[in-house]
Amino acid sequence: MFFYQLPRVPEWFQRRDDFAFMTDALREAREGAFTDEDLRRYRALFRHTETPSRERVAVPTLVIWGERDDYLLPEMARESLDYCENGRLEPLPHATHWLHHEYPDRVSDLLLEHLGS
């Protein structure tokens, strides 16, 4: 989607039609990954627009990335590690943007392993 390379266009696109794009994106996850209540809560979350910090992260960081993510560019996974003093990337080949809903057991195992080290 070319419009993600233009300033302010992604934000406008995501907000239009009361965030329908975001709700539709959630519905593309594996069947049963989201309940109607999940969709309602995520939709409310999308309305938050605070700009994230760009400082380096000092604590050990695990980045778990769905390789079939249609919303974030693949190179963003590696670039995210540039903000970490001690970062590790764990790609999930069959996961989309919603990997924590699609593969909760695998994500939990990775988090427990990371937090136990």
Protein backbone atom coordinates (compact mmCIF):
# COMPACT_ATOMS: atom_id res chain seq x y z
CA MET A 1 0.00 0.00 0.00
CA PHE A 2 1.81 3.07 -1.27
CA PHE A 3 -0.03 5.55 0.96
CA TYR A 4 1.90 4.37 4.02
CA GLN A 5 4.91 6.21 2.61
CA LEU A 6 3.17 9.60 2.69
CA PRO A 7 3.02 11.78 5.82
CA ARG A 8 -0.33 11.88 7.66
CA VAL A 9 -2.10 9.73 5.04
CA PRO A 10 -1.92 6.48 7.09
CA GLU A 11 -3.42 8.22 10.10
CA TRP A 12 -6.25 9.70 8.01
CA PHE A 13 -6.91 6.36 6.33
CA GLN A 14 -7.06 4.50 9.62
CA ARG A 15 -9.44 7.02 11.23
CA ARG A 16 -11.94 7.21 8.36
CA ASP A 17 -15.31 5.48 8.72
CA ASP A 18 -14.86 5.30 12.50
CA PHE A 19 -11.73 3.12 12.23
CA ALA A 20 -13.38 0.54 9.96
CA PHE A 21 -10.00 -0.26 8.39
CA MET A 22 -8.65 -1.36 11.76
CA THR A 23 -11.69 -3.45 12.63
CA ASP A 24 -11.57 -5.10 9.20
CA ALA A 25 -7.88 -5.83 9.72
CA LEU A 26 -8.63 -7.60 13.00
CA ARG A 27 -11.27 -9.72 11.27
CA GLU A 28 -8.58 -11.05 8.88
CA ALA A 29 -6.88 -12.96 11.69
CA ARG A 30 -7.41 -16.68 12.11
CA GLU A 31 -11.09 -17.50 12.81
CA GLY A 32 -11.95 -17.24 16.49
CA ALA A 33 -8.87 -15.16 17.34
CA PHE A 34 -11.03 -12.14 18.32
CA THR A 35 -14.39 -11.94 20.06
CA ASP A 36 -16.82 -9.06 19.45
CA GLU A 37 -15.72 -7.63 22.80
CA ASP A 38 -12.05 -7.80 21.67
CA LEU A 39 -12.98 -5.85 18.52
CA ARG A 40 -14.79 -3.20 20.58
CA ARG A 41 -11.78 -2.75 22.89
CA TYR A 42 -9.25 -2.58 20.06
CA ARG A 43 -11.38 -0.04 18.24
CA ALA A 44 -11.32 2.16 21.35
CA LEU A 45 -7.55 1.73 21.58
CA PHE A 46 -7.02 2.98 18.02
CA ARG A 47 -8.36 6.38 19.03
CA HIS A 48 -5.25 6.97 21.21
CA THR A 49 -2.74 9.04 19.21
CA GLU A 50 0.18 9.76 21.55
CA THR A 51 3.54 9.76 19.75
CA PRO A 52 5.81 6.96 21.03
CA SER A 53 9.21 7.67 22.52
CA ARG A 54 12.22 7.26 20.22
CA GLU A 55 14.76 6.61 22.97
CA ARG A 56 16.81 3.41 23.18
CA VAL A 57 15.50 0.57 25.33
CA ALA A 58 18.08 -0.55 27.90
CA VAL A 59 16.42 -3.76 29.15
CA PRO A 60 16.69 -7.04 27.18
CA THR A 61 13.93 -6.95 24.57
CA LEU A 62 12.19 -9.67 22.59
CA VAL A 63 10.53 -8.71 19.29
CA ILE A 64 8.11 -11.39 18.10
CA TRP A 65 7.12 -10.79 14.48
CA GLY A 66 4.52 -12.38 12.20
CA GLU A 67 6.14 -12.90 8.81
CA ARG A 68 2.72 -12.69 7.09
CA ASP A 69 1.98 -9.25 8.56
CA ASP A 70 0.18 -7.21 5.90
CA TYR A 71 0.30 -3.95 7.87
CA LEU A 72 3.95 -3.52 8.85
CA LEU A 73 6.90 -3.72 6.49
CA PRO A 74 9.21 -6.73 7.10
CA GLU A 75 12.28 -4.53 7.54
CA MET A 76 10.59 -2.84 10.49
CA ALA A 77 11.26 -5.95 12.57
CA ARG A 78 15.03 -5.61 12.25
CA GLU A 79 14.87 -1.81 12.49
CA SER A 80 13.02 -2.18 15.80
CA LEU A 81 16.11 -3.89 17.20
CA ASP A 82 18.10 -0.71 16.46
CA TYR A 83 16.22 0.88 19.37
CA CYS A 84 17.31 -1.89 21.74
CA GLU A 85 20.65 -2.26 23.49
CA ASN A 86 20.02 -5.99 23.85
CA GLY A 87 17.30 -7.08 21.41
CA ARG A 88 16.36 -10.40 19.86
CA LEU A 89 14.02 -11.03 16.92
CA GLU A 90 11.82 -14.13 16.88
CA PRO A 91 9.93 -14.38 13.57
CA LEU A 92 6.83 -16.57 13.29
CA PRO A 93 6.54 -17.74 9.65
CA HIS A 94 2.78 -18.37 9.49
CA ALA A 95 1.61 -15.54 11.75
CA THR A 96 0.01 -12.28 10.66
CA HIS A 97 -0.08 -8.95 12.50
CA TRP A 98 -2.25 -10.60 15.17
CA LEU A 99 0.21 -13.34 16.16
CA HIS A 100 -0.57 -13.12 19.88
CA HIS A 101 -4.16 -14.07 19.11
CA GLU A 102 -3.34 -16.60 16.41
CA TYR A 103 -0.53 -18.42 18.24
CA PRO A 104 -1.02 -17.60 21.92
CA ASP A 105 0.79 -20.73 23.14
CA ARG A 106 3.89 -20.04 21.03
CA VAL A 107 3.95 -16.37 22.03
CA SER A 108 3.52 -17.31 25.70
CA ASP A 109 6.36 -19.84 25.48
CA LEU A 110 8.66 -17.25 23.90
CA LEU A 111 7.76 -14.67 26.55
CA LEU A 112 8.26 -17.10 29.42
CA GLU A 113 11.62 -18.14 27.98
CA HIS A 114 12.64 -14.50 27.55
CA LEU A 115 11.50 -13.41 30.99
CA GLY A 116 13.15 -16.42 32.65
CA SER A 117 16.58 -15.60 31.22
